[in-house]
C-alpha atoms as a PDB file:
ATOM      1  CA  MET A   1      -0.156  -0.156  -0.387  1.00  0.00           C
ATOM      2  CA  ALA A   2       2.753   2.612   1.229  1.00  0.00           C
ATOM      3  CA  PHE A   3       4.049   1.802  -2.927  1.00  0.00           C
ATOM      4  CA  HIS A   4       0.438   2.489  -4.036  1.00  0.00           C
ATOM      5  CA  VAL A   5       0.732   6.256  -1.968  1.00  0.00           C
ATOM      6  CA  GLY A   6       4.332   6.840  -3.179  1.00  0.00           C
ATOM      7  CA  ARG A   7       3.647   6.447  -7.066  1.00  0.00           C
ATOM      8  CA  ALA A   8       0.748   8.036  -7.147  1.00  0.00           C
ATOM      9  CA  LYS A   9       2.205  11.272  -4.993  1.00  0.00           C
ATOM     10  CA  GLN A  10       4.399  11.319  -8.138  1.00  0.00           C
ATOM     11  CA  ILE A  11       1.789  11.068 -10.155  1.00  0.00           C
ATOM     12  CA  ILE A  12       0.748  14.024  -8.427  1.00  0.00           C
ATOM     13  CA  VAL A  13       3.203  16.232  -8.257  1.00  0.00           C
ATOM     14  CA  GLN A  14       3.978  15.706 -12.081  1.00  0.00           C
ATOM     15  CA  ARG A  15       0.774  17.174 -13.064  1.00  0.00           C
ATOM     16  CA  GLY A  16       1.282  20.358 -10.654  1.00  0.00           C
ATOM     17  CA  LYS A  17      -0.947  22.485  -8.035  1.00  0.00           C
ATOM     18  CA  GLU A  18      -3.123  24.251 -11.231  1.00  0.00           C
ATOM     19  CA  ILE A  19      -4.365  21.817 -12.889  1.00  0.00           C
ATOM     20  CA  SER A  20      -4.764  19.852  -9.250  1.00  0.00           C
ATOM     21  CA  ARG A  21      -7.318  22.783  -7.762  1.00  0.00           C
ATOM     22  CA  SER A  22      -9.778  21.293 -11.582  1.00  0.00           C
ATOM     23  CA  PRO A  23     -13.094  19.727 -10.179  1.00  0.00           C
ATOM     24  CA  LEU A  24     -12.290  16.246 -11.472  1.00  0.00           C
ATOM     25  CA  SER A  25      -8.343  16.517 -10.753  1.00  0.00           C
ATOM     26  CA  ARG A  26      -9.236  17.910  -7.720  1.00  0.00           C
ATOM     27  CA  ALA A  27     -11.336  14.815  -6.465  1.00  0.00           C
ATOM     28  CA  LEU A  28      -8.418  12.752  -7.663  1.00  0.00           C
ATOM     29  CA  PHE A  29      -6.301  14.699  -5.305  1.00  0.00           C
ATOM     30  CA  ALA A  30      -8.640  14.317  -2.721  1.00  0.00           C
ATOM     31  CA  SER A  31      -8.560  11.041  -3.210  1.00  0.00           C
ATOM     32  CA  TYR A  32      -5.229  10.315  -2.816  1.00  0.00           C
ATOM     33  CA  PHE A  33      -4.748  12.641  -0.105  1.00  0.00           C
ATOM     34  CA  ARG A  34      -7.087  10.796   2.414  1.00  0.00           C
ATOM     35  CA  MET A  35      -5.562   7.608   1.813  1.00  0.00           C
ATOM     36  CA  ASP A  36      -1.882   9.287   2.426  1.00  0.00           C
ATOM     37  CA  VAL A  37      -3.536  10.289   5.692  1.00  0.00           C
ATOM     38  CA  ALA A  38      -5.213   6.922   6.450  1.00  0.00           C
ATOM     39  CA  MET A  39      -1.710   5.014   6.015  1.00  0.00           C
ATOM     40  CA  SER A  40       0.227   7.614   7.695  1.00  0.00           C
ATOM     41  CA  VAL A  41      -2.085   7.155  11.146  1.00  0.00           C
ATOM     42  CA  ILE A  42      -2.064   3.457  10.722  1.00  0.00           C
ATOM     43  CA  MET A  43       2.025   3.424  10.122  1.00  0.00           C
ATOM     44  CA  GLY A  44       3.075   6.210  12.676  1.00  0.00           C
ATOM     45  CA  ASN A  45       4.667   8.085   9.675  1.00  0.00           C
ATOM     46  CA  PRO A  46       4.458  11.826   8.402  1.00  0.00           C
ATOM     47  CA  VAL A  47       2.024  12.534   5.219  1.00  0.00           C
ATOM     48  CA  PHE A  48       3.722  12.808   1.608  1.00  0.00           C
ATOM     49  CA  LEU A  49       3.159  16.087   0.641  1.00  0.00           C
ATOM     50  CA  ASP A  50       3.488  19.390   2.741  1.00  0.00           C
ATOM     51  CA  GLU A  51       1.313  22.079   3.587  1.00  0.00           C
ATOM     52  CA  SER A  52       2.009  24.122   0.101  1.00  0.00           C
ATOM     53  CA  TRP A  53      -0.502  21.303  -1.327  1.00  0.00           C
ATOM     54  CA  TRP A  54      -3.190  20.728   1.669  1.00  0.00           C
ATOM     55  CA  LYS A  55      -3.885  24.913   0.932  1.00  0.00           C
ATOM     56  CA  ASN A  56      -4.224  23.551  -2.719  1.00  0.00           C
ATOM     57  CA  ASP A  57      -7.052  22.190  -2.373  1.00  0.00           C
ATOM     58  CA  PRO A  58      -9.729  24.563  -2.785  1.00  0.00           C
ATOM     59  CA  MET A  59     -12.232  22.869   0.093  1.00  0.00           C
ATOM     60  CA  ASN A  60      -9.703  23.782   2.747  1.00  0.00           C
ATOM     61  CA  ASN A  61     -11.075  27.530   2.910  1.00  0.00           C
ATOM     62  CA  TYR A  62     -13.970  26.854   2.094  1.00  0.00           C
ATOM     63  CA  LYS A  63     -17.048  28.243   4.520  1.00  0.00           C
ATOM     64  CA  ILE A  64     -19.123  25.627   5.622  1.00  0.00           C
ATOM     65  CA  THR A  65     -23.096  27.644   7.085  1.00  0.00           C
ATOM     66  CA  HIS A  66     -26.239  26.480   8.187  1.00  0.00           C
ATOM     67  CA  ASN A  67     -27.748  26.879   3.996  1.00  0.00           C
ATOM     68  CA  THR A  68     -24.849  24.588   2.534  1.00  0.00           C
ATOM     69  CA  PRO A  69     -25.977  21.970   0.224  1.00  0.00           C
ATOM     70  CA  VAL A  70     -24.772  18.745   2.188  1.00  0.00           C
ATOM     71  CA  VAL A  71     -22.545  17.162  -0.195  1.00  0.00           C
ATOM     72  CA  VAL A  72     -20.466  20.368  -0.982  1.00  0.00           C
ATOM     73  CA  ALA A  73     -20.601  21.279   3.387  1.00  0.00           C
ATOM     74  CA  ILE A  74     -19.289  16.850   3.647  1.00  0.00           C
ATOM     75  CA  ASP A  75     -16.795  17.130   1.237  1.00  0.00           C
ATOM     76  CA  ALA A  76     -15.633  20.484   2.990  1.00  0.00           C
ATOM     77  CA  ALA A  77     -15.575  19.195   6.262  1.00  0.00           C
ATOM     78  CA  LEU A  78     -13.887  16.277   5.498  1.00  0.00           C
ATOM     79  CA  CYS A  79     -10.922  18.202   3.993  1.00  0.00           C
ATOM     80  CA  GLN A  80     -10.599  20.468   6.454  1.00  0.00           C
ATOM     81  CA  VAL A  81     -10.260  17.783   9.361  1.00  0.00           C
ATOM     82  CA  THR A  82      -8.363  15.752   6.807  1.00  0.00           C
ATOM     83  CA  VAL A  83      -5.421  19.053   7.474  1.00  0.00           C
ATOM     84  CA  ILE A  84      -5.752  19.170  10.843  1.00  0.00           C
ATOM     85  CA  ILE A  85      -4.878  14.716  10.989  1.00  0.00           C
ATOM     86  CA  ALA A  86      -1.856  15.638   8.342  1.00  0.00           C
ATOM     87  CA  LYS A  87      -0.390  17.883  10.840  1.00  0.00           C
ATOM     88  CA  ILE A  88      -0.928  15.813  13.815  1.00  0.00           C
ATOM     89  CA  THR A  89       1.271  13.356  11.830  1.00  0.00           C
ATOM     90  CA  LEU A  90       3.974  15.598  11.899  1.00  0.00           C
ATOM     91  CA  LEU A  91       3.384  16.454  15.053  1.00  0.00           C
ATOM     92  CA  LYS A  92       3.666  12.803  16.396  1.00  0.00           C
ATOM     93  CA  GLN A  93       6.735  12.292  14.438  1.00  0.00           C
ATOM     94  CA  TRP A  94       8.313  15.532  15.929  1.00  0.00           C
ATOM     95  CA  ALA A  95       7.255  14.814  19.371  1.00  0.00           C
ATOM     96  CA  ALA A  96       9.117  11.505  19.209  1.00  0.00           C
ATOM     97  CA  ARG A  97      12.174  13.208  17.675  1.00  0.00           C
ATOM     98  CA  LEU A  98      12.511  15.720  20.488  1.00  0.00           C
ATOM     99  CA  ARG A  99      12.386  13.230  23.159  1.00  0.00           C
ATOM    100  CA  GLN A 100      14.451  10.942  21.686  1.00  0.00           C
ATOM    101  CA  ARG A 101      17.045  13.556  21.478  1.00  0.00           C
ATOM    102  CA  GLN A 102      16.418  14.225  25.330  1.00  0.00           C
ATOM    103  CA  PHE A 103      16.384  10.864  26.052  1.00  0.00           C
ATOM    104  CA  GLY A 104      20.543  10.596  24.994  1.00  0.00           C
ATOM    105  CA  THR A 105      21.514  13.850  26.950  1.00  0.00           C
ATOM    106  CA  LEU A 106      19.504  12.351  29.924  1.00  0.00           C
ATOM    107  CA  GLU A 107      21.594   9.545  29.697  1.00  0.00           C
ATOM    108  CA  ASN A 108      25.147  11.448  29.410  1.00  0.00           C
ATOM    109  CA  GLY A 109      23.909  13.853  32.287  1.00  0.00           C
ATOM    110  CA  GLU A 110      24.310  16.623  29.895  1.00  0.00           C
ATOM    111  CA  LEU A 111      20.423  17.355  30.341  1.00  0.00           C
ATOM    112  CA  SER A 112      18.563  18.813  33.334  1.00  0.00           C
ATOM    113  CA  PRO A 113      15.102  17.808  34.624  1.00  0.00           C
ATOM    114  CA  GLY A 114      13.787  21.352  34.395  1.00  0.00           C
ATOM    115  CA  LEU A 115      14.875  21.270  30.587  1.00  0.00           C
ATOM    116  CA  VAL A 116      13.219  18.248  30.139  1.00  0.00           C
ATOM    117  CA  GLN A 117       9.718  19.339  31.535  1.00  0.00           C
ATOM    118  CA  GLN A 118      10.521  22.791  29.410  1.00  0.00           C
ATOM    119  CA  ARG A 119      10.402  20.860  26.387  1.00  0.00           C
ATOM    120  CA  GLU A 120       7.500  18.434  27.442  1.00  0.00           C
ATOM    121  CA  ASP A 121       5.532  21.954  28.175  1.00  0.00           C
ATOM    122  CA  ARG A 122       6.468  22.820  25.042  1.00  0.00           C
ATOM    123  CA  ILE A 123       4.932  19.877  22.561  1.00  0.00           C
ATOM    124  CA  ARG A 124       1.760  20.289  24.966  1.00  0.00           C
ATOM    125  CA  GLU A 125       1.687  23.198  23.295  1.00  0.00           C
ATOM    126  CA  LYS A 126       1.532  22.279  20.186  1.00  0.00           C
ATOM    127  CA  VAL A 127      -0.925  19.995  20.986  1.00  0.00           C
ATOM    128  CA  GLU A 128      -2.966  22.886  22.334  1.00  0.00           C
ATOM    129  CA  ILE A 129      -3.080  24.543  19.555  1.00  0.00           C
ATOM    130  CA  LEU A 130      -3.755  21.466  16.971  1.00  0.00           C
ATOM    131  CA  GLN A 131      -6.882  20.565  19.948  1.00  0.00           C
ATOM    132  CA  GLN A 132      -8.160  24.068  19.863  1.00  0.00           C
ATOM    133  CA  GLU A 133      -7.890  24.237  16.006  1.00  0.00           C
ATOM    134  CA  LEU A 134     -10.407  20.866  15.520  1.00  0.00           C
ATOM    135  CA  ASN A 135     -12.503  22.739  18.415  1.00  0.00           C
ATOM    136  CA  HIS A 136     -12.653  25.507  16.166  1.00  0.00           C
ATOM    137  CA  TRP A 137     -13.278  23.570  13.014  1.00  0.00           C
ATOM    138  CA  PHE A 138     -16.148  21.553  14.646  1.00  0.00           C
ATOM    139  CA  LEU A 139     -18.014  24.444  16.528  1.00  0.00           C
ATOM    140  CA  SER A 140     -17.584  25.547  12.927  1.00  0.00           C
ATOM    141  CA  LEU A 141     -19.910  23.111  11.832  1.00  0.00           C
ATOM    142  CA  PRO A 142     -23.947  23.635  11.295  1.00  0.00           C
ATOM    143  CA  SER A 143     -26.201  21.939  13.610  1.00  0.00           C
ATOM    144  CA  TRP A 144     -27.502  18.891  11.426  1.00  0.00           C
ATOM    145  CA  PHE A 145     -23.561  17.770  11.163  1.00  0.00           C
ATOM    146  CA  ARG A 146     -24.709  15.899  13.921  1.00  0.00           C
ATOM    147  CA  SER A 147     -26.135  12.727  15.038  1.00  0.00           C
ATOM    148  CA  ILE A 148     -29.422  12.160  15.773  1.00  0.00           C
ATOM    149  CA  GLY A 149     -31.127   9.201  18.236  1.00  0.00           C
ATOM    150  CA  PRO A 150     -30.626   8.223  21.806  1.00  0.00           C
ATOM    151  CA  ASP A 151     -28.613   8.812  24.990  1.00  0.00           C
ATOM    152  CA  SER A 152     -28.587   5.647  25.989  1.00  0.00           C
ATOM    153  CA  PRO A 153     -25.143   3.900  24.464  1.00  0.00           C
ATOM    154  CA  LYS A 154     -27.312   0.453  24.043  1.00  0.00           C
ATOM    155  CA  GLU A 155     -29.030   1.834  21.279  1.00  0.00           C
ATOM    156  CA  PHE A 156     -26.261   2.220  18.984  1.00  0.00           C
ATOM    157  CA  ASP A 157     -27.421   1.331  15.712  1.00  0.00           C
ATOM    158  CA  ARG A 158     -31.095   3.838  16.066  1.00  0.00           C
ATOM    159  CA  PHE A 159     -28.370   6.586  15.391  1.00  0.00           C
ATOM    160  CA  GLU A 160     -29.356   8.724  12.388  1.00  0.00           C
ATOM    161  CA  TYR A 161     -27.838  11.337  10.461  1.00  0.00           C
ATOM    162  CA  ALA A 162     -28.585  14.009   7.608  1.00  0.00           C
ATOM    163  CA  HIS A 163     -26.226  12.069   5.452  1.00  0.00           C
ATOM    164  CA  PRO A 164     -24.198   8.537   5.574  1.00  0.00           C
ATOM    165  CA  SER A 165     -20.889  10.122   5.450  1.00  0.00           C
ATOM    166  CA  ILE A 166     -21.653  12.680   8.010  1.00  0.00           C
ATOM    167  CA  PRO A 167     -20.409  10.010  10.732  1.00  0.00           C
ATOM    168  CA  VAL A 168     -16.935   9.798   8.809  1.00  0.00           C
ATOM    169  CA  VAL A 169     -16.075  12.897   9.232  1.00  0.00           C
ATOM    170  CA  LEU A 170     -17.346  13.059  12.351  1.00  0.00           C
ATOM    171  CA  SER A 171     -14.715   9.429  13.434  1.00  0.00           C
ATOM    172  CA  CYS A 172     -11.797  11.163  11.730  1.00  0.00           C
ATOM    173  CA  SER A 173     -12.317  14.326  14.777  1.00  0.00           C
ATOM    174  CA  TYR A 174     -12.700  12.228  17.431  1.00  0.00           C
ATOM    175  CA  ALA A 175      -9.929   9.499  16.332  1.00  0.00           C
ATOM    176  CA  ALA A 176      -7.581  13.036  16.091  1.00  0.00           C
ATOM    177  CA  GLU A 177      -8.262  14.103  19.426  1.00  0.00           C
ATOM    178  CA  ILE A 178      -7.632  10.607  20.950  1.00  0.00           C
ATOM    179  CA  HIS A 179      -3.802  10.677  18.743  1.00  0.00           C
ATOM    180  CA  LEU A 180      -3.352  14.704  20.402  1.00  0.00           C
ATOM    181  CA  TRP A 181      -3.738  13.365  23.899  1.00  0.00           C
ATOM    182  CA  ARG A 182      -1.182  10.251  23.352  1.00  0.00           C
ATOM    183  CA  ILE A 183       1.165  12.802  21.964  1.00  0.00           C
ATOM    184  CA  GLY A 184       1.047  15.146  24.883  1.00  0.00           C
ATOM    185  CA  TYR A 185       0.826  12.151  27.805  1.00  0.00           C
ATOM    186  CA  PRO A 186       2.716   9.455  26.761  1.00  0.00           C
ATOM    187  CA  ASN A 187       2.926   8.318  30.564  1.00  0.00           C
ATOM    188  CA  GLU A 188      -0.476   8.345  31.520  1.00  0.00           C
ATOM    189  CA  GLN A 189      -0.763   4.329  31.770  1.00  0.00           C
ATOM    190  CA  HIS A 190      -4.970   4.928  31.926  1.00  0.00           C
ATOM    191  CA  ALA A 191      -7.066   7.005  29.090  1.00  0.00           C
ATOM    192  CA  PRO A 192      -9.191   9.543  31.069  1.00  0.00           C
ATOM    193  CA  PRO A 193     -12.849   9.591  30.697  1.00  0.00           C
ATOM    194  CA  PRO A 194     -12.916  11.785  28.153  1.00  0.00           C
ATOM    195  CA  ILE A 195     -11.132   9.766  25.507  1.00  0.00           C
ATOM    196  CA  THR A 196     -12.893   6.768  26.795  1.00  0.00           C
ATOM    197  CA  GLU A 197     -15.667   8.478  25.659  1.00  0.00           C
ATOM    198  CA  LEU A 198     -14.558   9.513  22.233  1.00  0.00           C
ATOM    199  CA  ALA A 199     -13.929   5.688  21.958  1.00  0.00           C
ATOM    200  CA  VAL A 200     -17.938   4.985  22.012  1.00  0.00           C
ATOM    201  CA  LYS A 201     -18.551   7.864  20.298  1.00  0.00           C
ATOM    202  CA  THR A 202     -16.613   6.401  17.268  1.00  0.00           C
ATOM    203  CA  LEU A 203     -17.915   2.981  17.580  1.00  0.00           C
ATOM    204  CA  ARG A 204     -21.386   4.517  17.572  1.00  0.00           C
ATOM    205  CA  THR A 205     -20.513   6.343  13.688  1.00  0.00           C
ATOM    206  CA  CYS A 206     -18.764   2.940  12.356  1.00  0.00           C
ATOM    207  CA  LEU A 207     -22.234   1.066  12.698  1.00  0.00           C
ATOM    208  CA  ALA A 208     -23.612   3.937  10.586  1.00  0.00           C
ATOM    209  CA  VAL A 209     -20.973   4.031   7.992  1.00  0.00           C
ATOM    210  CA  GLU A 210     -21.127   2.436   4.739  1.00  0.00           C
ATOM    211  CA  GLU A 211     -18.884   0.542   2.850  1.00  0.00           C
ATOM    212  CA  ASP A 212     -17.463   2.707   0.613  1.00  0.00           C
ATOM    213  CA  ALA A 213     -16.281   4.732   3.440  1.00  0.00           C
ATOM    214  CA  ASP A 214     -14.131   1.705   4.629  1.00  0.00           C
ATOM    215  CA  LEU A 215     -10.633   3.255   4.017  1.00  0.00           C
ATOM    216  CA  THR A 216     -11.158   6.254   5.884  1.00  0.00           C
ATOM    217  CA  ILE A 217     -12.893   4.801   8.887  1.00  0.00           C
ATOM    218  CA  ILE A 218     -10.593   2.342   9.475  1.00  0.00           C
ATOM    219  CA  PRO A 219      -7.674   4.391  11.169  1.00  0.00           C
ATOM    220  CA  ASN A 220     -10.505   5.825  13.374  1.00  0.00           C
ATOM    221  CA  VAL A 221     -12.002   2.654  14.343  1.00  0.00           C
ATOM    222  CA  TRP A 222      -8.558   1.091  15.697  1.00  0.00           C
ATOM    223  CA  SER A 223      -7.490   4.156  17.439  1.00  0.00           C
ATOM    224  CA  ALA A 224     -10.819   4.747  19.207  1.00  0.00           C
ATOM    225  CA  GLY A 225     -10.939   0.573  19.431  1.00  0.00           C
ATOM    226  CA  LEU A 226      -8.465   0.013  21.386  1.00  0.00           C
ATOM    227  CA  PHE A 227      -9.741   2.415  24.047  1.00  0.00           C
ATOM    228  CA  LEU A 228     -13.275   1.097  24.534  1.00  0.00           C
ATOM    229  CA  ARG A 229     -13.241  -0.577  27.906  1.00  0.00           C
ATOM    230  CA  ASN A 230     -16.856  -2.314  28.459  1.00  0.00           C
ATOM    231  CA  ARG A 231     -17.407  -5.890  27.165  1.00  0.00           C
ATOM    232  CA  ALA A 232     -20.832  -5.372  25.374  1.00  0.00           C
ATOM    233  CA  HIS A 233     -18.774  -2.032  23.096  1.00  0.00           C
ATOM    234  CA  ARG A 234     -16.261  -4.106  22.358  1.00  0.00           C
ATOM    235  CA  GLU A 235     -17.813  -7.447  21.112  1.00  0.00           C
ATOM    236  CA  ARG A 236     -20.551  -5.275  19.476  1.00  0.00           C
ATOM    237  CA  LEU A 237     -17.703  -3.764  17.122  1.00  0.00           C
ATOM    238  CA  GLU A 238     -15.880  -6.989  16.731  1.00  0.00           C
ATOM    239  CA  ASN A 239     -19.379  -8.390  15.240  1.00  0.00           C
ATOM    240  CA  HIS A 240     -19.480  -5.715  13.262  1.00  0.00           C
ATOM    241  CA  ILE A 241     -15.720  -5.637  11.782  1.00  0.00           C
ATOM    242  CA  ARG A 242     -16.567  -9.980  11.529  1.00  0.00           C
ATOM    243  CA  GLN A 243     -19.783  -8.947   9.508  1.00  0.00           C
ATOM    244  CA  ARG A 244     -17.741  -6.322   7.521  1.00  0.00           C
ATOM    245  CA  ILE A 245     -14.895  -8.712   6.287  1.00  0.00           C
ATOM    246  CA  LYS A 246     -18.010 -11.239   5.262  1.00  0.00           C
ATOM    247  CA  THR A 247     -19.106  -9.152   2.753  1.00  0.00           C
ATOM    248  CA  THR A 248     -16.409  -6.926   1.744  1.00  0.00           C
ATOM    249  CA  ASP A 249     -13.099  -8.955   2.009  1.00  0.00           C
ATOM    250  CA  PHE A 250     -11.155  -6.351   2.725  1.00  0.00           C
ATOM    251  CA  PHE A 251      -7.593  -7.399   4.005  1.00  0.00           C
ATOM    252  CA  PHE A 252      -7.663  -3.619   6.092  1.00  0.00           C
ATOM    253  CA  TRP A 253     -10.675  -4.644   8.615  1.00  0.00           C
ATOM    254  CA  LYS A 254      -8.527  -8.148   9.029  1.00  0.00           C
ATOM    255  CA  PHE A 255      -5.712  -6.703   9.811  1.00  0.00           C
ATOM    256  CA  CYS A 256      -7.851  -3.666  12.276  1.00  0.00           C
ATOM    257  CA  LEU A 257      -9.460  -6.904  13.978  1.00  0.00           C
ATOM    258  CA  ASP A 258      -6.324  -8.248  14.814  1.00  0.00           C
ATOM    259  CA  GLY A 259      -4.785  -5.185  16.342  1.00  0.00           C
ATOM    260  CA  LEU A 260      -7.829  -4.985  18.285  1.00  0.00           C
ATOM    261  CA  ARG A 261      -7.616  -8.380  19.574  1.00  0.00           C
ATOM    262  CA  HIS A 262      -4.618  -7.585  20.799  1.00  0.00           C
ATOM    263  CA  GLY A 263      -4.785  -4.545  22.512  1.00  0.00           C
ATOM    264  CA  TRP A 264      -7.988  -6.172  24.391  1.00  0.00           C
ATOM    265  CA  SER A 265      -6.269  -9.043  25.442  1.00  0.00           C
ATOM    266  CA  PRO A 266      -4.757  -8.833  29.148  1.00  0.00           C
ATOM    267  CA  GLN A 267      -1.264  -9.949  27.733  1.00  0.00           C
ATOM    268  CA  LYS A 268      -0.394  -6.654  25.447  1.00  0.00           C
ATOM    269  CA  THR A 269       1.644  -5.141  27.655  1.00  0.00           C
ATOM    270  CA  SER A 270       4.156  -7.541  27.423  1.00  0.00           C
ATOM    271  CA  THR A 271       3.597  -9.276  24.196  1.00  0.00           C
ATOM    272  CA  PRO A 272       4.401  -7.312  20.704  1.00  0.00           C
ATOM    273  CA  PHE A 273       1.482  -6.581  18.385  1.00  0.00           C
ATOM    274  CA  ARG A 274       3.570  -9.078  15.981  1.00  0.00           C
ATOM    275  CA  SER A 275       6.965 -10.351  15.244  1.00  0.00           C
ATOM    276  CA  LEU A 276       8.670  -9.080  11.790  1.00  0.00           C
ATOM    277  CA  ARG A 277      10.260 -11.655  10.080  1.00  0.00           C
ATOM    278  CA  GLY A 278      13.884  -9.939   9.339  1.00  0.00           C
ATOM    279  CA  ARG A 279      14.187  -6.304   8.313  1.00  0.00           C
ATOM    280  CA  ALA A 280      11.022  -5.092   6.721  1.00  0.00           C
ATOM    281  CA  GLN A 281      11.865  -4.552   3.210  1.00  0.00           C
ATOM    282  CA  GLU A 282      12.027  -1.198   1.419  1.00  0.00           C
ATOM    283  CA  ILE A 283      10.003  -0.228  -1.835  1.00  0.00           C
ATOM    284  CA  VAL A 284      10.017   3.566  -1.612  1.00  0.00           C
ATOM    285  CA  PRO A 285      12.736   4.699   0.017  1.00  0.00           C
ATOM    286  CA  GLY A 286      11.942   5.136   4.044  1.00  0.00           C
ATOM    287  CA  VAL A 287       8.524   3.990   3.575  1.00  0.00           C
ATOM    288  CA  SER A 288       8.648  -0.202   4.727  1.00  0.00           C
ATOM    289  CA  GLU A 289       5.685  -1.869   3.287  1.00  0.00           C
ATOM    290  CA  ASN A 290       5.295  -4.408   6.198  1.00  0.00           C
ATOM    291  CA  LEU A 291       2.455  -3.483   8.208  1.00  0.00           C
ATOM    292  CA  TYR A 292       3.026  -5.751  10.665  1.00  0.00           C
ATOM    293  CA  ARG A 293       3.584  -3.424  13.513  1.00  0.00           C
ATOM    294  CA  ALA A 294       1.424  -0.618  12.580  1.00  0.00           C
ATOM    295  CA  GLU A 295       2.737   1.494  15.426  1.00  0.00           C
ATOM    296  CA  GLY A 296       0.800   4.956  14.434  1.00  0.00           C
ATOM    297  CA  VAL A 297      -1.794   3.263  15.993  1.00  0.00           C
ATOM    298  CA  MET A 298      -0.936   0.595  18.413  1.00  0.00           C
ATOM    299  CA  LYS A 299       1.655   2.552  20.551  1.00  0.00           C
ATOM    300  CA  LEU A 300      -1.179   4.752  21.669  1.00  0.00           C
ATOM    301  CA  ILE A 301      -1.889   2.089  24.617  1.00  0.00           C
ATOM    302  CA  GLN A 302       1.871   1.806  25.284  1.00  0.00           C
ATOM    303  CA  SER A 303       1.807   4.426  28.253  1.00  0.00           C
ATOM    304  CA  GLY A 304       5.511   5.671  28.979  1.00  0.00           C
ATOM    305  CA  TRP A 305       7.496   6.835  25.854  1.00  0.00           C
ATOM    306  CA  GLU A 306      10.856   4.337  24.976  1.00  0.00           C
ATOM    307  CA  PRO A 307      13.724   5.777  22.668  1.00  0.00           C
ATOM    308  CA  SER A 308      13.092   3.865  19.293  1.00  0.00           C
ATOM    309  CA  ASN A 309      16.256   1.291  18.384  1.00  0.00           C
ATOM    310  CA  ASP A 310      18.078   1.647  15.160  1.00  0.00           C
ATOM    311  CA  GLU A 311      18.438  -1.646  14.162  1.00  0.00           C
ATOM    312  CA  LEU A 312      14.172  -2.844  14.801  1.00  0.00           C
ATOM    313  CA  GLN A 313      12.467   1.219  13.676  1.00  0.00           C
ATOM    314  CA  ILE A 314      11.463   0.434  10.122  1.00  0.00           C
ATOM    315  CA  TYR A 315       9.537   3.624   9.734  1.00  0.00           C
ATOM    316  CA  ARG A 316      12.171   6.441   9.011  1.00  0.00           C
ATOM    317  CA  PHE A 317      10.244   8.505   6.005  1.00  0.00           C
ATOM    318  CA  SER A 318      10.344  11.995   7.460  1.00  0.00           C
ATOM    319  CA  GLY A 319       7.805  13.822   5.206  1.00  0.00           C
ATOM    320  CA  GLU A 320       8.379  17.133   3.337  1.00  0.00           C
ATOM    321  CA  ALA A 321       6.520  19.081   5.288  1.00  0.00           C
ATOM    322  CA  ASN A 322       8.186  21.449   7.911  1.00  0.00           C
ATOM    323  CA  ILE A 323       5.889  23.362  10.123  1.00  0.00           C
ATOM    324  CA  PHE A 324       6.911  21.779  13.277  1.00  0.00           C
ATOM    325  CA  GLY A 325      11.028  21.937  12.284  1.00  0.00           C
ATOM    326  CA  GLU A 326      12.481  25.384  13.481  1.00  0.00           C
ATOM    327  CA  TYR A 327      11.823  23.827  17.001  1.00  0.00           C
ATOM    328  CA  LEU A 328      14.610  20.826  16.453  1.00  0.00           C
ATOM    329  CA  ASP A 329      17.062  23.715  15.113  1.00  0.00           C
ATOM    330  CA  GLU A 330      16.500  25.157  18.154  1.00  0.00           C
ATOM    331  CA  VAL A 331      16.971  22.596  20.524  1.00  0.00           C
ATOM    332  CA  ASP A 332      20.041  21.203  18.781  1.00  0.00           C
ATOM    333  CA  LYS A 333      21.421  25.183  19.493  1.00  0.00           C
ATOM    334  CA  MET A 334      20.507  24.833  23.253  1.00  0.00           C
ATOM    335  CA  ASP A 335      21.449  21.584  23.677  1.00  0.00           C
ATOM    336  CA  SER A 336      24.927  22.632  22.287  1.00  0.00           C
ATOM    337  CA  GLU A 337      25.323  25.492  24.658  1.00  0.00           C
ATOM    338  CA  VAL A 338      24.112  23.635  27.846  1.00  0.00           C
ATOM    339  CA  ILE A 339      27.090  21.004  27.011  1.00  0.00           C
ATOM    340  CA  THR A 340      29.871  24.013  26.118  1.00  0.00           C
ATOM    341  CA  GLU A 341      28.510  25.402  29.547  1.00  0.00           C
ATOM    342  CA  GLN A 342      29.441  22.182  31.622  1.00  0.00           C
END
């Protein structure tokens, strides 16, 4: 799948930004970008294209009102939340690189606990900025862009929406919040109530989504499903995925179900998600085709940040966007100054 995403990116770049704004080409770009984001969320990689391409989509700045046609509103809302998720994939990598660097200087006694906390605070500032952007986007949606149904968590199947694609968009925002929480608080062992509530909301949306949106919703279902605590909720989701596999035979659903079962098992903290057969094969430079680890989602339930082992790390693609890169340059400068003073 990473190979297909990489090749599609080359075609889009060759066609250029201007032609990608025409109606048909814009639809093709949106389909590619959403697939890129889905793969990035699952694998833990940042998205391929940089922010200049995200902003190139005319729907990125489209103002949705109460009177906006439903289909147009859904397209614009999905475009806008996808851009936020693309930023989250970059923020996740940026935070990991920053923690990796400070771990090395801590081991060498070259970094004080005060500076470590300063960097953690900086990460959470970035998380809060994206959380506010997500909140602003959500509040800008018209009132009909919501579920219609009972409050009872046992009656999931009775939830309805003004359009079958609305729950797809909502599930993206719920999963995005879960990822933001883990980036900011990697050492929290148990998810707080707001996160588990988001997991239940995602389950509700999943049950209302049609098959043609599976690729978009699977990363959301997987991310949120790991935090379902109620056994009945887990069973309902598993039965739904089984039925989806039966009707579509989509391999991503099978992979998602394997990941959820592992995450729900009592032994998840001591058993790796799935072992690798030697080093992962790379058919696009820096992007592994081996999805066995699915680090982007499976690490959501691993409390306690740990440095990556260069011998085992399989996802090394850095992406083309640099919206968080400047602070890493600042950190390198600060580290050198601290070491010089000592």
